[in-house]
Amino acid sequence: MNLNTDRVAGALVAIPGGRIDGLNARDFQEALKAAANEQDTAVIVDFGGVTYISSAGLRAVLVVAKLMRERKASFSLCALSEPIREIFSVSGFDKIIDIHATREDAVADAT
């Protein structure tokens, strides 16, 4: 798993790649928390390059989403592949975290 970041229209866009599983979920969580600063009003995680996410990865996403809410920042995901989207749906996470089809949609909603 790797994590690149970008800033688009005032939003932090985090771009993980590969697998997010029990071996690296905490690293993903800490990298995402470190990338988001106090001034960020929106954090978008682009899942286009994620090939797998485990329950540990889901927990990491939830922890960061909660932190962003505490900071009064929006948090959303975008570009999920169908298998990843299904995991978020089955787990019910799609009911508590905003999910957008594309990065552009997520940025437009966040700004």
C-alpha atoms as a PDB file:
ATOM      1  CA  MET A   1       0.000   0.000   0.000  1.00  0.00           C
ATOM      2  CA  ASN A   2       1.242   3.434  -0.879  1.00  0.00           C
ATOM      3  CA  LEU A   3      -0.371   6.820  -0.263  1.00  0.00           C
ATOM      4  CA  ASN A   4       0.037   9.893  -2.431  1.00  0.00           C
ATOM      5  CA  THR A   5      -1.680  13.192  -1.746  1.00  0.00           C
ATOM      6  CA  ASP A   6      -2.811  16.201  -3.711  1.00  0.00           C
ATOM      7  CA  ARG A   7      -4.716  19.372  -2.919  1.00  0.00           C
ATOM      8  CA  VAL A   8      -7.589  20.285  -5.208  1.00  0.00           C
ATOM      9  CA  ALA A   9      -9.773  23.346  -4.677  1.00  0.00           C
ATOM     10  CA  GLY A  10      -8.846  23.464  -0.998  1.00  0.00           C
ATOM     11  CA  ALA A  11      -9.507  19.774  -0.374  1.00  0.00           C
ATOM     12  CA  LEU A  12      -6.920  17.168   0.551  1.00  0.00           C
ATOM     13  CA  VAL A  13      -7.132  14.257  -1.892  1.00  0.00           C
ATOM     14  CA  ALA A  14      -5.433  11.110  -0.599  1.00  0.00           C
ATOM     15  CA  ILE A  15      -4.702   8.433  -3.188  1.00  0.00           C
ATOM     16  CA  PRO A  16      -3.884   5.014  -1.745  1.00  0.00           C
ATOM     17  CA  GLY A  17      -2.832   2.164  -3.989  1.00  0.00           C
ATOM     18  CA  GLY A  18      -2.714  -1.597  -3.628  1.00  0.00           C
ATOM     19  CA  ARG A  19      -4.114  -3.560  -0.705  1.00  0.00           C
ATOM     20  CA  ILE A  20      -5.255  -2.166   2.621  1.00  0.00           C
ATOM     21  CA  ASP A  21      -5.228  -5.093   5.022  1.00  0.00           C
ATOM     22  CA  GLY A  22      -4.190  -6.181   8.488  1.00  0.00           C
ATOM     23  CA  LEU A  23      -0.520  -5.809   7.604  1.00  0.00           C
ATOM     24  CA  ASN A  24      -0.692  -2.144   6.662  1.00  0.00           C
ATOM     25  CA  ALA A  25      -4.047  -0.734   7.815  1.00  0.00           C
ATOM     26  CA  ARG A  26      -2.471   1.096  10.754  1.00  0.00           C
ATOM     27  CA  ASP A  27       0.200   2.567   8.449  1.00  0.00           C
ATOM     28  CA  PHE A  28      -2.572   3.716   6.093  1.00  0.00           C
ATOM     29  CA  GLN A  29      -4.495   5.248   8.995  1.00  0.00           C
ATOM     30  CA  GLU A  30      -1.458   7.075  10.373  1.00  0.00           C
ATOM     31  CA  ALA A  31      -0.357   8.310   6.928  1.00  0.00           C
ATOM     32  CA  LEU A  32      -3.836   9.647   6.232  1.00  0.00           C
ATOM     33  CA  LYS A  33      -4.043  11.349   9.627  1.00  0.00           C
ATOM     34  CA  ALA A  34      -0.594  12.890   9.119  1.00  0.00           C
ATOM     35  CA  ALA A  35      -1.502  14.179   5.646  1.00  0.00           C
ATOM     36  CA  ALA A  36      -4.651  15.942   6.885  1.00  0.00           C
ATOM     37  CA  ASN A  37      -3.809  19.159   8.659  1.00  0.00           C
ATOM     38  CA  GLU A  38      -6.013  21.255  10.926  1.00  0.00           C
ATOM     39  CA  GLN A  39      -6.788  23.694   8.103  1.00  0.00           C
ATOM     40  CA  ASP A  40      -8.266  21.039   5.799  1.00  0.00           C
ATOM     41  CA  THR A  41     -12.010  21.462   5.506  1.00  0.00           C
ATOM     42  CA  ALA A  42     -12.392  18.413   3.275  1.00  0.00           C
ATOM     43  CA  VAL A  43     -10.599  15.101   2.940  1.00  0.00           C
ATOM     44  CA  ILE A  44     -11.297  12.894  -0.054  1.00  0.00           C
ATOM     45  CA  VAL A  45      -9.831   9.416  -0.378  1.00  0.00           C
ATOM     46  CA  ASP A  46      -9.606   8.272  -4.006  1.00  0.00           C
ATOM     47  CA  PHE A  47      -9.892   4.479  -3.939  1.00  0.00           C
ATOM     48  CA  GLY A  48      -9.305   4.063  -7.685  1.00  0.00           C
ATOM     49  CA  GLY A  49      -5.997   2.271  -7.085  1.00  0.00           C
ATOM     50  CA  VAL A  50      -7.109   0.114  -4.147  1.00  0.00           C
ATOM     51  CA  THR A  51      -7.414  -3.552  -5.085  1.00  0.00           C
ATOM     52  CA  TYR A  52      -8.484  -4.967  -1.712  1.00  0.00           C
ATOM     53  CA  ILE A  53      -9.611  -3.766   1.709  1.00  0.00           C
ATOM     54  CA  SER A  54      -9.986  -5.920   4.807  1.00  0.00           C
ATOM     55  CA  SER A  55     -11.970  -5.275   7.974  1.00  0.00           C
ATOM     56  CA  ALA A  56      -8.810  -3.716   9.444  1.00  0.00           C
ATOM     57  CA  GLY A  57      -8.759  -1.326   6.478  1.00  0.00           C
ATOM     58  CA  LEU A  58     -12.423  -0.483   7.010  1.00  0.00           C
ATOM     59  CA  ARG A  59     -11.669   0.296  10.635  1.00  0.00           C
ATOM     60  CA  ALA A  60      -8.825   2.604   9.592  1.00  0.00           C
ATOM     61  CA  VAL A  61     -11.181   4.486   7.260  1.00  0.00           C
ATOM     62  CA  LEU A  62     -13.735   4.807  10.066  1.00  0.00           C
ATOM     63  CA  VAL A  63     -11.145   6.108  12.550  1.00  0.00           C
ATOM     64  CA  VAL A  64     -10.008   8.818  10.132  1.00  0.00           C
ATOM     65  CA  ALA A  65     -13.605   9.712   9.199  1.00  0.00           C
ATOM     66  CA  LYS A  66     -14.383  10.182  12.896  1.00  0.00           C
ATOM     67  CA  LEU A  67     -11.301  12.366  13.384  1.00  0.00           C
ATOM     68  CA  MET A  68     -12.301  14.563  10.430  1.00  0.00           C
ATOM     69  CA  ARG A  69     -15.822  14.967  11.823  1.00  0.00           C
ATOM     70  CA  GLU A  70     -14.328  16.039  15.156  1.00  0.00           C
ATOM     71  CA  ARG A  71     -12.336  18.651  13.217  1.00  0.00           C
ATOM     72  CA  LYS A  72     -15.533  19.755  11.425  1.00  0.00           C
ATOM     73  CA  ALA A  73     -14.066  18.649   8.089  1.00  0.00           C
ATOM     74  CA  SER A  74     -15.975  16.666   5.497  1.00  0.00           C
ATOM     75  CA  PHE A  75     -14.724  13.170   4.659  1.00  0.00           C
ATOM     76  CA  SER A  76     -15.599  11.177   1.590  1.00  0.00           C
ATOM     77  CA  LEU A  77     -14.432   8.372  -0.666  1.00  0.00           C
ATOM     78  CA  CYS A  78     -14.492   8.171  -4.428  1.00  0.00           C
ATOM     79  CA  ALA A  79     -13.696   5.961  -7.416  1.00  0.00           C
ATOM     80  CA  LEU A  80     -14.356   2.648  -5.663  1.00  0.00           C
ATOM     81  CA  SER A  81     -14.197  -0.439  -7.862  1.00  0.00           C
ATOM     82  CA  GLU A  82     -17.320  -2.595  -7.788  1.00  0.00           C
ATOM     83  CA  PRO A  83     -15.835  -5.216  -5.392  1.00  0.00           C
ATOM     84  CA  ILE A  84     -14.603  -2.495  -2.995  1.00  0.00           C
ATOM     85  CA  ARG A  85     -17.933  -0.659  -3.234  1.00  0.00           C
ATOM     86  CA  GLU A  86     -19.725  -3.894  -2.364  1.00  0.00           C
ATOM     87  CA  ILE A  87     -17.582  -4.303   0.781  1.00  0.00           C
ATOM     88  CA  PHE A  88     -18.554  -0.802   1.897  1.00  0.00           C
ATOM     89  CA  SER A  89     -22.191  -1.563   1.125  1.00  0.00           C
ATOM     90  CA  VAL A  90     -22.323  -4.931   2.909  1.00  0.00           C
ATOM     91  CA  SER A  91     -20.575  -3.459   5.962  1.00  0.00           C
ATOM     92  CA  GLY A  92     -23.018  -0.535   6.040  1.00  0.00           C
ATOM     93  CA  PHE A  93     -20.168   1.971   5.787  1.00  0.00           C
ATOM     94  CA  ASP A  94     -21.802   3.499   2.716  1.00  0.00           C
ATOM     95  CA  LYS A  95     -24.532   4.766   5.063  1.00  0.00           C
ATOM     96  CA  ILE A  96     -22.096   6.664   7.303  1.00  0.00           C
ATOM     97  CA  ILE A  97     -19.412   7.771   4.824  1.00  0.00           C
ATOM     98  CA  ASP A  98     -20.137   9.747   1.654  1.00  0.00           C
ATOM     99  CA  ILE A  99     -19.123   7.822  -1.458  1.00  0.00           C
ATOM    100  CA  HIS A 100     -18.855   9.456  -4.879  1.00  0.00           C
ATOM    101  CA  ALA A 101     -18.422   7.883  -8.299  1.00  0.00           C
ATOM    102  CA  THR A 102     -15.541  10.145  -9.324  1.00  0.00           C
ATOM    103  CA  ARG A 103     -12.938  12.415  -7.772  1.00  0.00           C
ATOM    104  CA  GLU A 104     -14.498  15.355  -9.602  1.00  0.00           C
ATOM    105  CA  ASP A 105     -17.892  14.628  -7.990  1.00  0.00           C
ATOM    106  CA  ALA A 106     -16.271  14.392  -4.551  1.00  0.00           C
ATOM    107  CA  VAL A 107     -14.388  17.671  -5.000  1.00  0.00           C
ATOM    108  CA  ALA A 108     -17.505  19.431  -6.278  1.00  0.00           C
ATOM    109  CA  ASP A 109     -19.480  18.220  -3.258  1.00  0.00           C
ATOM    110  CA  ALA A 110     -16.745  19.177  -0.792  1.00  0.00           C
ATOM    111  CA  THR A 111     -16.161  22.720  -2.032  1.00  0.00           C
END
